[in-house]
Amino acid sequence: MTLTNIRFPEDNPFSRIKVRHIFGWYLLLAIGICFQLEMISSTSGRQFDCTEPLVSEIVGIYLSILILALVWRQCRLAGIEIKYLVGKVPDRYQWLPLVGLASASVVFSIGVFRIFYYPLSFIVPSFVEQILTEKRDRSILIEASHTFNPGLYYLMFSIDSFVIFHLFFNFIFLAIIPHRWAAKWGNIPAIVALCLLLMILDYENFIPLLVYLLIYLILYLKTRSLLVIIVFGVVTSLIFTIWDLSHTIFFNTQTANILDTFRSQIQLGVLFFALSAPWVIGFIYKNWSVLKGPLPYFANAAEAEKIKADSET
């Protein structure tokens, strides 16, 4: 089965998946879980606040697992073979360049963020200060200090950041949604729509987010393997975590003026951008045509059918 021999939309199994249902489930389950916590708090006498960092991590993990299970079941009902979505790691895959690309992507993201918001810090300082304050308060060390059990928070954060998040994001946003929207509109319109969706969900970092999305999609379409981009995402998260810890420790913005500290780092942002942009932008430019090619599910399915046919002859 290839994308070209699907004659009608109803012949495409992804036409039976509705993205709005996924977000609807997410919203309803999130409301239900928070309501359950409120009920438990009122009966037990102990307060469980969904905004408390540790509770938020636990709820996020639980919610992600529930959504993954629901979408997995929906895929099975729609006749989608999960193995073709996940794919296999290519033989003798070169992991070192992947780690290098992940490192360059993190450096690029840090540089672009500083370059983009530096002029805005003079034009709309209150807006930029709010963004910087929110980013500082989401730091691992700071959030851990606001929990009743920092050790458990670190454990839940690690499970979420290095396992659950990547399973959820890659399966939902890089496998299901692109295949569904490509079945409806085609590859490029589907990618544009996905970019707009993620920009709405995380407007503060929309430029690095778009770059990351293109890298993820290129890697997925090139390797036809979710496992490769999961590894890429885990390495990226690990590097970001190291940067977050070092930045919190060595650039203490708790006592200093957060805008002045941010503006003083513009040279660092320019340096990071200059070092990483040729690698990151060059990778996207060289592999842009991959985004117009066959989607991983159909390519993997066609390859499996070919192997089966060859074995029978």
Protein backbone atom coordinates (compact mmCIF):
# COMPACT_ATOMS: atom_id res chain seq x y z
CA MET A 1 0.00 0.00 0.00
CA THR A 2 1.40 3.38 -0.99
CA LEU A 3 0.01 6.86 -0.82
CA THR A 4 -0.47 6.94 -4.57
CA ASN A 5 -2.72 3.88 -4.85
CA ILE A 6 -5.28 5.10 -2.31
CA ARG A 7 -8.10 6.07 -4.63
CA PHE A 8 -10.57 7.58 -2.20
CA PRO A 9 -10.20 9.34 1.18
CA GLU A 10 -12.18 6.58 2.87
CA ASP A 11 -9.54 4.07 1.72
CA ASN A 12 -6.97 5.88 3.86
CA PRO A 13 -7.19 4.55 7.46
CA PHE A 14 -6.12 7.95 8.82
CA SER A 15 -9.33 9.47 7.48
CA ARG A 16 -11.07 7.67 10.36
CA ILE A 17 -8.98 9.52 12.97
CA LYS A 18 -10.32 12.90 14.09
CA VAL A 19 -7.78 15.31 15.57
CA ARG A 20 -10.52 17.31 17.27
CA HIS A 21 -11.51 14.18 19.17
CA ILE A 22 -7.97 13.82 20.53
CA PHE A 23 -7.96 17.39 21.86
CA GLY A 24 -11.50 16.92 23.13
CA TRP A 25 -10.46 13.84 25.08
CA TYR A 26 -7.47 15.70 26.47
CA LEU A 27 -9.58 18.61 27.67
CA LEU A 28 -12.31 16.45 29.21
CA LEU A 29 -9.83 14.14 30.95
CA ALA A 30 -7.85 17.10 32.29
CA ILE A 31 -11.02 18.64 33.72
CA GLY A 32 -12.07 15.28 35.15
CA ILE A 33 -8.70 14.66 36.83
CA CYS A 34 -8.63 18.15 38.37
CA PHE A 35 -12.20 17.65 39.59
CA GLN A 36 -11.21 14.33 41.17
CA LEU A 37 -8.29 16.02 42.94
CA GLU A 38 -10.63 18.69 44.28
CA MET A 39 -12.96 15.98 45.59
CA ILE A 40 -10.06 14.15 47.23
CA SER A 41 -8.84 17.40 48.79
CA SER A 42 -12.27 18.19 50.23
CA THR A 43 -12.71 14.72 51.74
CA SER A 44 -9.16 14.05 52.95
CA GLY A 45 -8.43 17.51 54.27
CA ARG A 46 -5.16 17.68 52.31
CA GLN A 47 -4.87 20.15 49.49
CA PHE A 48 -3.96 18.80 46.02
CA ASP A 49 -3.49 21.76 43.70
CA CYS A 50 -3.10 20.99 39.97
CA THR A 51 -0.78 24.00 39.64
CA GLU A 52 1.64 22.68 42.30
CA PRO A 53 4.74 21.48 40.37
CA LEU A 54 4.83 17.91 41.69
CA VAL A 55 1.07 17.40 41.32
CA SER A 56 1.23 18.96 37.85
CA GLU A 57 3.95 16.53 36.77
CA ILE A 58 2.02 13.50 38.07
CA VAL A 59 -1.22 14.68 36.46
CA GLY A 60 0.61 15.36 33.18
CA ILE A 61 2.10 11.86 33.11
CA TYR A 62 -1.24 10.25 33.94
CA LEU A 63 -3.08 12.32 31.35
CA SER A 64 -0.51 11.62 28.62
CA ILE A 65 -0.71 7.87 29.25
CA LEU A 66 -4.51 7.94 29.07
CA ILE A 67 -4.49 9.87 25.78
CA LEU A 68 -1.87 7.55 24.29
CA ALA A 69 -4.00 4.55 25.24
CA LEU A 70 -7.14 6.09 23.73
CA VAL A 71 -5.41 7.07 20.48
CA TRP A 72 -3.74 3.65 20.26
CA ARG A 73 -7.15 1.99 20.57
CA GLN A 74 -8.62 4.34 17.99
CA CYS A 75 -5.82 3.46 15.58
CA ARG A 76 -6.52 -0.23 16.00
CA LEU A 77 -10.22 0.33 15.35
CA ALA A 78 -9.38 2.37 12.23
CA GLY A 79 -7.22 -0.46 10.88
CA ILE A 80 -3.93 1.41 11.32
CA GLU A 81 -0.92 -0.87 11.83
CA ILE A 82 1.09 0.68 14.66
CA LYS A 83 4.28 -1.07 13.53
CA TYR A 84 4.22 0.90 10.27
CA LEU A 85 3.90 4.17 12.20
CA VAL A 86 6.75 3.32 14.56
CA GLY A 87 9.02 1.78 11.93
CA LYS A 88 12.46 0.34 12.51
CA VAL A 89 15.83 1.92 13.18
CA PRO A 90 17.83 1.84 9.91
CA ASP A 91 20.73 -0.61 9.81
CA ARG A 92 24.04 0.87 10.95
CA TYR A 93 22.46 4.21 11.68
CA GLN A 94 24.94 7.00 12.40
CA TRP A 95 24.03 8.18 15.91
CA LEU A 96 26.91 10.62 16.42
CA PRO A 97 25.71 13.10 13.75
CA LEU A 98 22.25 12.89 15.33
CA VAL A 99 23.70 13.91 18.71
CA GLY A 100 25.58 16.71 16.97
CA LEU A 101 22.39 17.92 15.30
CA ALA A 102 20.55 17.83 18.65
CA SER A 103 23.33 19.88 20.27
CA ALA A 104 23.31 22.40 17.42
CA SER A 105 19.50 22.67 17.63
CA VAL A 106 19.65 23.50 21.34
CA VAL A 107 22.36 26.12 20.79
CA PHE A 108 20.35 27.56 17.88
CA SER A 109 17.21 27.75 20.01
CA ILE A 110 19.01 29.58 22.82
CA GLY A 111 20.62 32.01 20.37
CA VAL A 112 17.44 32.77 18.41
CA PHE A 113 15.45 33.36 21.61
CA ARG A 114 17.93 35.99 22.80
CA ILE A 115 18.30 37.69 19.43
CA PHE A 116 14.53 37.84 18.84
CA TYR A 117 13.58 39.18 22.27
CA TYR A 118 16.52 41.55 22.71
CA PRO A 119 15.04 44.47 20.66
CA LEU A 120 11.58 43.71 22.08
CA SER A 121 13.00 44.13 25.60
CA PHE A 122 13.36 47.86 24.79
CA ILE A 123 10.09 48.22 22.86
CA VAL A 124 7.77 46.22 25.13
CA PRO A 125 9.86 45.59 28.27
CA SER A 126 6.92 44.49 30.44
CA PHE A 127 5.92 41.78 27.94
CA VAL A 128 9.47 40.41 27.67
CA GLU A 129 9.95 40.60 31.43
CA GLN A 130 6.80 38.53 31.93
CA ILE A 131 8.08 35.86 29.52
CA LEU A 132 11.50 35.79 31.16
CA THR A 133 9.96 35.57 34.62
CA GLU A 134 7.75 32.66 33.59
CA LYS A 135 10.72 30.85 32.06
CA ARG A 136 12.78 31.43 35.21
CA ASP A 137 10.00 30.19 37.46
CA ARG A 138 9.69 27.02 35.35
CA SER A 139 13.32 26.18 36.07
CA ILE A 140 13.78 22.72 37.59
CA LEU A 141 15.54 23.94 40.71
CA ILE A 142 13.04 26.71 41.38
CA GLU A 143 9.99 24.51 40.81
CA ALA A 144 11.47 21.79 43.02
CA SER A 145 11.83 24.31 45.85
CA HIS A 146 8.07 24.96 45.67
CA THR A 147 7.10 21.31 46.16
CA PHE A 148 6.53 19.35 49.37
CA ASN A 149 8.86 16.57 48.12
CA PRO A 150 11.70 17.83 45.84
CA GLY A 151 13.21 14.35 45.43
CA LEU A 152 9.94 12.93 44.12
CA TYR A 153 9.56 15.96 41.86
CA TYR A 154 12.97 15.31 40.27
CA LEU A 155 11.96 11.69 39.67
CA MET A 156 8.60 12.62 38.10
CA PHE A 157 10.26 15.36 36.05
CA SER A 158 12.81 12.89 34.67
CA ILE A 159 10.13 10.33 33.79
CA ASP A 160 8.01 12.98 32.10
CA SER A 161 10.77 14.90 30.31
CA PHE A 162 12.82 11.95 29.08
CA VAL A 163 10.16 9.28 28.51
CA ILE A 164 6.45 10.19 28.59
CA PHE A 165 6.63 13.57 26.87
CA HIS A 166 8.57 12.20 23.90
CA LEU A 167 6.30 9.18 23.52
CA PHE A 168 3.27 11.47 23.62
CA PHE A 169 4.62 14.26 21.41
CA ASN A 170 6.14 12.01 18.77
CA PHE A 171 3.20 9.63 18.52
CA ILE A 172 0.46 12.28 18.53
CA PHE A 173 2.04 15.35 16.92
CA LEU A 174 4.59 13.77 14.58
CA ALA A 175 2.89 10.53 13.60
CA ILE A 176 -0.90 10.68 13.94
CA ILE A 177 -1.65 14.35 13.18
CA PRO A 178 0.64 14.74 10.10
CA HIS A 179 -0.67 11.50 8.58
CA ARG A 180 -4.26 12.54 9.29
CA TRP A 181 -3.95 16.06 7.89
CA ALA A 182 -1.84 14.91 4.93
CA ALA A 183 -4.65 12.48 4.06
CA LYS A 184 -6.99 15.47 4.06
CA TRP A 185 -4.90 18.25 2.50
CA GLY A 186 -1.53 16.89 1.37
CA ASN A 187 1.95 16.96 2.91
CA ILE A 188 2.91 20.64 2.80
CA PRO A 189 -0.49 22.05 3.88
CA ALA A 190 -0.50 19.51 6.72
CA ILE A 191 2.96 20.66 7.86
CA VAL A 192 1.91 24.31 7.69
CA ALA A 193 -1.22 23.56 9.74
CA LEU A 194 0.85 21.66 12.31
CA CYS A 195 3.27 24.60 12.54
CA LEU A 196 0.38 26.97 13.19
CA LEU A 197 -1.05 24.65 15.84
CA LEU A 198 2.24 24.42 17.73
CA MET A 199 2.75 28.18 17.44
CA ILE A 200 -0.58 28.68 19.19
CA LEU A 201 0.35 26.19 21.91
CA ASP A 202 3.78 27.75 22.52
CA TYR A 203 3.88 31.26 21.07
CA GLU A 204 6.82 32.35 23.25
CA ASN A 205 9.30 30.13 21.39
CA PHE A 206 7.65 29.94 17.99
CA ILE A 207 10.81 30.38 15.87
CA PRO A 208 12.86 27.60 17.57
CA LEU A 209 9.68 25.53 17.69
CA LEU A 210 9.21 25.73 13.92
CA VAL A 211 12.84 24.78 13.35
CA TYR A 212 12.52 21.82 15.73
CA LEU A 213 9.33 20.68 14.04
CA LEU A 214 10.94 20.71 10.60
CA ILE A 215 13.97 18.77 11.90
CA TYR A 216 11.72 16.21 13.59
CA LEU A 217 9.62 15.74 10.46
CA ILE A 218 12.64 15.49 8.17
CA LEU A 219 14.22 12.86 10.42
CA TYR A 220 10.95 10.93 10.59
CA LEU A 221 10.37 10.98 6.85
CA LYS A 222 14.02 10.16 6.09
CA THR A 223 14.41 7.29 8.53
CA ARG A 224 10.72 6.24 8.64
CA SER A 225 11.32 5.52 12.32
CA LEU A 226 9.73 7.13 15.37
CA LEU A 227 12.46 5.55 17.46
CA VAL A 228 15.10 7.76 15.85
CA ILE A 229 13.27 10.99 16.57
CA ILE A 230 12.47 9.83 20.11
CA VAL A 231 16.22 9.42 20.69
CA PHE A 232 16.79 12.84 19.09
CA GLY A 233 14.19 14.38 21.41
CA VAL A 234 15.61 12.73 24.54
CA VAL A 235 19.12 13.97 23.73
CA THR A 236 17.73 17.46 23.11
CA SER A 237 15.86 17.43 26.42
CA LEU A 238 18.97 16.26 28.27
CA ILE A 239 21.06 19.10 26.81
CA PHE A 240 18.33 21.63 27.60
CA THR A 241 18.14 20.35 31.17
CA ILE A 242 21.90 20.72 31.61
CA TRP A 243 21.68 24.26 30.22
CA ASP A 244 18.73 25.08 32.49
CA LEU A 245 20.60 23.86 35.58
CA SER A 246 23.82 25.66 34.69
CA HIS A 247 22.00 28.84 33.73
CA THR A 248 20.06 28.88 37.00
CA ILE A 249 23.20 28.29 39.04
CA PHE A 250 25.67 30.58 37.27
CA PHE A 251 23.29 33.32 36.05
CA ASN A 252 21.28 33.96 39.18
CA THR A 253 18.40 36.23 38.16
CA GLN A 254 16.57 35.97 41.46
CA THR A 255 18.26 39.03 42.91
CA ALA A 256 19.43 40.81 39.75
CA ASN A 257 17.16 42.70 37.38
CA ILE A 258 15.96 40.03 34.97
CA LEU A 259 15.82 42.38 31.95
CA ASP A 260 19.33 43.73 32.54
CA THR A 261 20.68 40.19 32.91
CA PHE A 262 18.94 39.12 29.70
CA ARG A 263 20.20 42.12 27.72
CA SER A 264 23.76 41.55 28.91
CA GLN A 265 23.67 38.10 27.27
CA ILE A 266 23.04 39.33 23.72
CA GLN A 267 26.63 38.60 22.70
CA LEU A 268 26.14 35.02 23.86
CA GLY A 269 22.98 34.80 21.77
CA VAL A 270 24.74 36.10 18.64
CA LEU A 271 27.63 33.69 19.18
CA PHE A 272 25.29 30.72 19.65
CA PHE A 273 23.35 31.66 16.52
CA ALA A 274 26.49 32.09 14.41
CA LEU A 275 27.86 28.72 15.51
CA SER A 276 24.67 26.71 15.04
CA ALA A 277 22.74 28.35 12.19
CA PRO A 278 24.85 26.95 9.32
CA TRP A 279 24.42 23.41 10.65
CA VAL A 280 20.71 23.65 11.52
CA ILE A 281 19.52 25.71 8.56
CA GLY A 282 21.81 23.75 6.22
CA PHE A 283 20.26 20.47 7.37
CA ILE A 284 16.73 21.74 6.70
CA TYR A 285 17.70 23.20 3.32
CA LYS A 286 19.44 20.05 2.11
CA ASN A 287 16.58 17.80 3.14
CA TRP A 288 13.59 20.01 2.30
CA SER A 289 12.51 17.76 -0.57
CA VAL A 290 12.03 14.90 1.91
CA LEU A 291 8.94 16.67 3.26
CA LYS A 292 7.24 16.22 -0.12
CA GLY A 293 7.92 12.50 -0.27
CA PRO A 294 5.86 9.50 0.85
CA LEU A 295 4.81 9.45 4.49
CA PRO A 296 6.50 6.88 6.77
CA TYR A 297 3.39 4.77 7.36
CA PHE A 298 2.78 4.14 3.67
CA ALA A 299 6.47 3.74 2.86
CA ASN A 300 6.87 1.15 5.62
CA ALA A 301 3.68 -0.64 4.56
CA ALA A 302 4.82 -0.74 0.93
CA GLU A 303 8.22 -2.09 1.93
CA ALA A 304 6.62 -4.81 4.09
CA GLU A 305 4.35 -5.84 1.20
CA LYS A 306 7.32 -5.98 -1.16
CA ILE A 307 9.31 -8.16 1.25
CA LYS A 308 6.31 -10.44 1.68
CA ALA A 309 5.79 -10.73 -2.07
CA ASP A 310 9.51 -11.47 -2.66
CA SER A 311 9.45 -14.19 0.01
CA GLU A 312 6.47 -15.89 -1.65
CA THR A 313 8.10 -16.02 -5.08
